[in-house]
Amino acid sequence: MNSPLRSQPRPAYLSGTWLDASELRLAVDDYAVAMGVSVAERLRTFNGEVFRASDHLERLHRSLDIVGWDAARLVAQVSNVIDEYAVRIGPLRDEGDDWSIAVFISPGQSAAAVEPTVCVYGFPLPFAGWADQFEHGVPLAISTVRQTPTSCWPAELKCRSRMHYYLADRDATSRFPGARPVLLDQEGYVTESSTANLVLYEEDRGLVTPRLSDVLPGVSQLNLFELAESLGVARCEEHVAPERLANADEVFLTSTSVCMLPVASVDGRPIGSGTPGPQYARFLRAWSEQVGVDIAAQAQRFANR
């Protein structure tokens, strides 16, 4: 399958220049290439409108502060580019379809970030990767690869130094084909999956998450929390032992592109009946109403584009 960046023209922005995504190039000595050093964000649209852009930009600002780059200037630049990007993709967006928008910033060719690289690109959401999972759920596997400890970098830093995610994905799928990994911290508690937050639902507790100070602050997870409050569902954060996942009434993954997906099993053991539960259906329905898009139906409609 061709990359979504190459299948047809896509706008992109690279350090002050608008071009087609197929023309994006980075110098081999850019720190993003040479050392895997970059700060990142991923956004999506609903009905062509960027969803919760201010929350993504706030998280980007925190990440840039952590690495010591000029956060205020760079976030202002990215904010303007995202606004323009949404305008530029308008004529390219099929009716009812939506796009993923990716942002990354590196220090450029100098560790001091004198001339940082700023890149924004996007493509229609690749729904084929998860459309069926709204109905059937996602299998998880407890990975032998641990989460990067906060002594290396803070959990709230969203960056593309993701070798541990790559290895965790390989580990999970080698034991349970199609499974997403659950990464544990150095003490053996649940943190997150690769590129997704984990949320449990327990009838007597409501939503339960790992301590928010121990995981990347997910924008989609935040949206779920707000929906829970509006629906009168309690939530708490605490250490979560891995065996607690399989005993939960329901488990969800939240991330920008998919919004939320139900978890079907952990290490081959079904969650509940092994099919999406009533709370998942309730939250997904509320989310769809919030954004004016039937999230699962949209994914099914465009899965075979």
Protein backbone atom coordinates (compact mmCIF):
# COMPACT_ATOMS: atom_id res chain seq x y z
CA MET A 1 0.00 0.00 0.00
CA ASN A 2 1.30 3.45 -0.87
CA SER A 3 2.06 5.88 1.90
CA PRO A 4 -0.81 8.32 2.48
CA LEU A 5 1.77 11.06 1.97
CA ARG A 6 2.40 9.92 -1.61
CA SER A 7 -0.99 8.83 -2.91
CA GLN A 8 -2.01 12.36 -3.94
CA PRO A 9 -0.93 15.96 -3.26
CA ARG A 10 -0.79 16.90 0.43
CA PRO A 11 0.22 20.27 1.83
CA ALA A 12 3.15 20.43 4.23
CA TYR A 13 5.10 23.12 6.03
CA LEU A 14 8.82 23.02 6.71
CA SER A 15 10.53 25.86 8.58
CA GLY A 16 8.82 28.74 6.82
CA THR A 17 8.08 27.10 3.46
CA TRP A 18 4.86 25.53 2.18
CA LEU A 19 5.39 22.57 -0.15
CA ASP A 20 3.92 19.23 -1.08
CA ALA A 21 4.47 16.51 1.51
CA SER A 22 6.28 14.38 -1.08
CA GLU A 23 8.97 17.07 -1.18
CA LEU A 24 9.74 17.07 2.54
CA ARG A 25 13.45 16.60 3.21
CA LEU A 26 15.59 16.78 6.34
CA ALA A 27 19.35 17.12 6.46
CA VAL A 28 21.06 13.95 7.62
CA ASP A 29 22.67 15.92 10.44
CA ASP A 30 19.38 17.36 11.66
CA TYR A 31 19.06 16.22 15.26
CA ALA A 32 15.70 14.61 14.45
CA VAL A 33 17.54 12.26 12.08
CA ALA A 34 20.96 11.92 13.66
CA MET A 35 19.87 11.54 17.29
CA GLY A 36 16.11 11.05 17.27
CA VAL A 37 15.65 14.35 19.11
CA SER A 38 12.31 15.98 18.39
CA VAL A 39 9.18 17.16 20.16
CA ALA A 40 5.90 16.11 18.55
CA GLU A 41 2.14 16.55 18.51
CA ARG A 42 -0.60 14.83 16.56
CA LEU A 43 -4.02 16.36 16.01
CA ARG A 44 -7.11 15.40 14.04
CA THR A 45 -10.11 17.10 12.54
CA PHE A 46 -13.83 16.52 12.89
CA ASN A 47 -15.87 17.88 9.99
CA GLY A 48 -12.70 19.62 8.90
CA GLU A 49 -12.25 21.49 12.19
CA VAL A 50 -9.15 20.81 14.30
CA PHE A 51 -10.22 19.17 17.56
CA ARG A 52 -8.96 20.64 20.85
CA ALA A 53 -6.12 22.50 19.18
CA SER A 54 -5.51 24.65 22.26
CA ASP A 55 -4.94 21.58 24.43
CA HIS A 56 -2.46 20.15 21.95
CA LEU A 57 -0.64 23.48 21.76
CA GLU A 58 -0.54 23.73 25.55
CA ARG A 59 1.03 20.26 25.73
CA LEU A 60 3.48 21.23 22.99
CA HIS A 61 4.44 24.31 25.01
CA ARG A 62 5.16 22.15 28.06
CA SER A 63 7.30 19.78 26.00
CA LEU A 64 9.29 22.65 24.50
CA ASP A 65 9.82 24.13 27.95
CA ILE A 66 11.21 20.80 29.13
CA VAL A 67 13.81 20.65 26.34
CA GLY A 68 14.66 24.33 26.76
CA TRP A 69 13.74 25.68 23.34
CA ASP A 70 11.91 28.94 22.61
CA ALA A 71 8.47 27.62 23.51
CA ALA A 72 6.43 30.81 23.17
CA ARG A 73 7.74 31.66 19.71
CA LEU A 74 7.57 28.11 18.38
CA VAL A 75 4.03 27.47 19.66
CA ALA A 76 2.83 30.75 18.13
CA GLN A 77 4.38 29.69 14.83
CA VAL A 78 2.81 26.22 14.95
CA SER A 79 -0.58 27.65 15.92
CA ASN A 80 -0.62 29.87 12.84
CA VAL A 81 0.52 27.00 10.62
CA ILE A 82 -2.20 24.66 11.92
CA ASP A 83 -4.85 27.28 11.22
CA GLU A 84 -3.54 27.69 7.68
CA TYR A 85 -3.22 23.94 7.25
CA ALA A 86 -6.90 23.42 8.04
CA VAL A 87 -7.76 25.96 5.34
CA ARG A 88 -5.46 24.35 2.77
CA ILE A 89 -6.85 20.85 3.21
CA GLY A 90 -10.43 22.03 2.93
CA PRO A 91 -10.67 21.51 -0.85
CA LEU A 92 -8.83 18.16 -0.55
CA ARG A 93 -11.08 16.67 2.13
CA ASP A 94 -13.81 14.32 0.94
CA GLU A 95 -17.25 15.03 2.36
CA GLY A 96 -17.55 13.25 5.70
CA ASP A 97 -13.84 12.45 5.88
CA ASP A 98 -11.25 13.84 8.29
CA TRP A 99 -7.50 14.30 8.50
CA SER A 100 -4.60 13.60 10.80
CA ILE A 101 -2.19 16.51 11.32
CA ALA A 102 1.33 15.83 12.61
CA VAL A 103 3.75 18.35 14.08
CA PHE A 104 7.36 17.87 15.00
CA ILE A 105 10.08 20.27 16.05
CA SER A 106 13.77 19.46 16.33
CA PRO A 107 16.71 21.64 17.33
CA GLY A 108 17.77 21.53 13.68
CA GLN A 109 21.45 21.09 12.97
CA SER A 110 22.58 22.62 16.26
CA ALA A 111 22.07 21.25 19.74
CA ALA A 112 21.38 24.81 20.89
CA ALA A 113 18.29 24.98 18.64
CA VAL A 114 19.51 28.21 17.04
CA GLU A 115 17.50 27.43 13.89
CA PRO A 116 15.01 24.74 14.90
CA THR A 117 13.28 22.60 12.31
CA VAL A 118 9.49 23.02 12.37
CA CYS A 119 7.42 20.60 10.30
CA VAL A 120 3.66 20.17 9.90
CA TYR A 121 2.15 17.61 7.55
CA GLY A 122 -0.97 15.50 7.32
CA PHE A 123 -3.10 12.99 5.47
CA PRO A 124 -6.61 11.52 5.55
CA LEU A 125 -7.00 9.41 8.67
CA PRO A 126 -5.95 5.80 7.89
CA PHE A 127 -9.13 4.27 9.30
CA ALA A 128 -8.33 0.82 7.89
CA GLY A 129 -5.93 0.36 10.80
CA TRP A 130 -8.66 0.41 13.43
CA ALA A 131 -12.15 0.53 11.88
CA ASP A 132 -13.03 -3.05 12.89
CA GLN A 133 -11.75 -2.54 16.43
CA PHE A 134 -14.71 -0.34 17.37
CA GLU A 135 -16.82 -3.50 17.12
CA HIS A 136 -14.37 -6.27 18.01
CA GLY A 137 -11.98 -4.56 20.42
CA VAL A 138 -8.20 -4.53 20.70
CA PRO A 139 -6.12 -7.33 22.23
CA LEU A 140 -3.39 -6.23 24.63
CA ALA A 141 -0.28 -7.98 25.87
CA ILE A 142 1.83 -7.09 28.89
CA SER A 143 5.17 -6.22 27.35
CA THR A 144 8.56 -7.26 28.66
CA VAL A 145 9.78 -3.84 27.48
CA ARG A 146 9.44 -1.27 30.25
CA GLN A 147 8.36 2.34 30.02
CA THR A 148 11.17 4.87 29.91
CA PRO A 149 11.71 5.95 33.53
CA THR A 150 11.11 9.56 34.47
CA SER A 151 14.75 9.76 35.50
CA CYS A 152 15.47 9.76 31.74
CA TRP A 153 12.81 12.29 30.72
CA PRO A 154 9.51 13.46 32.25
CA ALA A 155 6.41 11.48 31.33
CA GLU A 156 4.72 14.67 30.09
CA LEU A 157 7.34 15.18 27.36
CA LYS A 158 5.81 14.12 24.04
CA CYS A 159 8.78 13.27 21.86
CA ARG A 160 9.67 10.95 19.02
CA SER A 161 12.43 9.06 20.80
CA ARG A 162 10.29 5.92 20.66
CA MET A 163 12.51 2.88 20.31
CA HIS A 164 10.87 1.41 23.42
CA TYR A 165 7.45 1.65 21.73
CA TYR A 166 8.81 -0.07 18.64
CA LEU A 167 10.32 -2.90 20.68
CA ALA A 168 7.19 -3.22 22.83
CA ASP A 169 4.99 -3.49 19.72
CA ARG A 170 7.24 -6.24 18.33
CA ASP A 171 7.22 -8.07 21.64
CA ALA A 172 3.41 -7.94 21.96
CA THR A 173 2.65 -9.07 18.41
CA SER A 174 5.21 -11.87 18.55
CA ARG A 175 3.24 -13.49 21.39
CA PHE A 176 -0.31 -12.39 20.57
CA PRO A 177 -0.73 -11.47 16.89
CA GLY A 178 -2.41 -8.11 16.48
CA ALA A 179 -1.96 -7.16 20.14
CA ARG A 180 -0.97 -3.73 21.40
CA PRO A 181 1.54 -3.64 24.26
CA VAL A 182 1.01 -2.55 27.84
CA LEU A 183 4.19 -0.98 29.16
CA LEU A 184 4.93 -1.27 32.88
CA ASP A 185 7.07 1.12 34.87
CA GLN A 186 10.21 0.13 36.75
CA GLU A 187 8.09 -0.93 39.76
CA GLY A 188 5.84 -3.14 37.65
CA TYR A 189 2.76 -0.91 37.51
CA VAL A 190 0.77 -0.20 34.35
CA THR A 191 1.61 3.04 32.52
CA GLU A 192 0.29 3.18 28.95
CA SER A 193 0.27 1.46 25.59
CA SER A 194 2.38 2.56 22.67
CA THR A 195 0.81 5.85 21.49
CA ALA A 196 -2.30 5.42 23.65
CA ASN A 197 -3.46 5.99 27.22
CA LEU A 198 -5.09 3.18 29.19
CA VAL A 199 -8.33 3.67 31.11
CA LEU A 200 -10.12 1.02 33.20
CA TYR A 201 -13.79 1.03 34.10
CA GLU A 202 -14.74 -0.63 37.38
CA GLU A 203 -18.37 -0.58 38.42
CA ASP A 204 -17.62 0.41 42.00
CA ARG A 205 -14.93 2.99 41.13
CA GLY A 206 -15.81 4.46 37.76
CA LEU A 207 -12.89 5.35 35.49
CA VAL A 208 -9.51 4.31 36.87
CA THR A 209 -6.20 5.41 35.34
CA PRO A 210 -2.55 5.10 36.25
CA ARG A 211 -1.35 8.17 38.12
CA LEU A 212 -1.40 11.05 35.67
CA SER A 213 2.06 12.15 36.79
CA ASP A 214 3.39 8.81 35.50
CA VAL A 215 2.00 8.95 31.94
CA LEU A 216 1.80 11.29 28.99
CA PRO A 217 -1.17 13.64 29.54
CA GLY A 218 -3.43 12.54 26.70
CA VAL A 219 -5.76 15.07 25.10
CA SER A 220 -8.23 12.30 24.23
CA GLN A 221 -8.00 10.99 27.78
CA LEU A 222 -8.82 14.50 29.00
CA ASN A 223 -11.83 14.57 26.70
CA LEU A 224 -12.99 11.24 28.11
CA PHE A 225 -12.65 12.62 31.65
CA GLU A 226 -14.84 15.58 30.73
CA LEU A 227 -17.44 13.32 29.17
CA ALA A 228 -17.39 11.17 32.31
CA GLU A 229 -18.06 14.21 34.47
CA SER A 230 -20.98 15.23 32.27
CA LEU A 231 -22.38 11.70 32.52
CA GLY A 232 -21.94 11.49 36.29
CA VAL A 233 -19.21 8.83 36.14
CA ALA A 234 -16.56 9.06 38.88
CA ARG A 235 -12.86 8.74 38.16
CA CYS A 236 -9.67 8.23 40.11
CA GLU A 237 -5.96 7.83 39.47
CA GLU A 238 -3.73 5.38 41.30
CA HIS A 239 -1.13 2.67 40.83
CA VAL A 240 -2.61 -0.07 38.65
CA ALA A 241 -1.18 -3.58 38.90
CA PRO A 242 -1.17 -5.47 35.58
CA GLU A 243 -3.46 -8.25 36.83
CA ARG A 244 -6.09 -5.61 37.54
CA LEU A 245 -6.57 -5.02 33.81
CA ALA A 246 -8.02 -8.47 33.18
CA ASN A 247 -10.31 -8.13 36.21
CA ALA A 248 -11.75 -4.76 35.18
CA ASP A 249 -15.31 -4.56 33.89
CA GLU A 250 -14.08 -2.70 30.81
CA VAL A 251 -10.80 -1.26 29.53
CA PHE A 252 -10.30 1.45 26.92
CA LEU A 253 -7.49 2.89 24.84
CA THR A 254 -7.61 6.62 24.12
CA SER A 255 -5.56 8.46 21.51
CA THR A 256 -6.01 11.31 19.08
CA SER A 257 -6.68 9.47 15.84
CA VAL A 258 -8.97 6.72 17.15
CA CYS A 259 -10.54 8.73 20.01
CA MET A 260 -11.26 5.61 22.09
CA LEU A 261 -11.23 1.88 21.46
CA PRO A 262 -12.46 -1.01 23.62
CA VAL A 263 -9.97 -3.61 24.84
CA ALA A 264 -11.04 -7.20 24.19
CA SER A 265 -8.36 -9.13 26.08
CA VAL A 266 -5.09 -8.96 27.99
CA ASP A 267 -2.54 -11.72 27.40
CA GLY A 268 -5.31 -13.79 25.83
CA ARG A 269 -7.66 -13.41 28.81
CA PRO A 270 -10.98 -11.74 27.89
CA ILE A 271 -12.04 -8.46 29.46
CA GLY A 272 -15.59 -9.14 30.63
CA SER A 273 -17.34 -10.95 27.78
CA GLY A 274 -14.49 -10.14 25.41
CA THR A 275 -16.68 -7.72 23.45
CA PRO A 276 -17.19 -3.95 23.82
CA GLY A 277 -19.19 -3.21 26.95
CA PRO A 278 -22.07 -0.84 27.72
CA GLN A 279 -19.91 1.90 29.21
CA TYR A 280 -17.76 1.97 26.10
CA ALA A 281 -20.86 2.31 23.93
CA ARG A 282 -22.12 5.08 26.19
CA PHE A 283 -18.90 7.08 26.05
CA LEU A 284 -18.43 6.64 22.31
CA ARG A 285 -21.98 7.78 21.69
CA ALA A 286 -21.42 10.88 23.84
CA TRP A 287 -18.14 11.61 22.05
CA SER A 288 -19.81 11.28 18.65
CA GLU A 289 -22.57 13.65 19.72
CA GLN A 290 -19.98 16.11 21.02
CA VAL A 291 -18.12 16.34 17.69
CA GLY A 292 -21.09 15.87 15.36
CA VAL A 293 -19.59 12.75 13.75
CA ASP A 294 -20.51 9.09 14.19
CA ILE A 295 -16.94 8.10 14.98
CA ALA A 296 -17.22 4.35 14.36
CA ALA A 297 -19.40 4.74 11.26
CA GLN A 298 -16.96 7.25 9.76
CA ALA A 299 -14.10 4.80 10.22
CA GLN A 300 -16.06 2.03 8.53
CA ARG A 301 -17.10 4.27 5.66
CA PHE A 302 -13.55 5.33 4.78
CA ALA A 303 -11.66 2.18 5.79
CA ASN A 304 -11.26 1.00 2.20
CA ARG A 305 -10.34 4.29 0.57
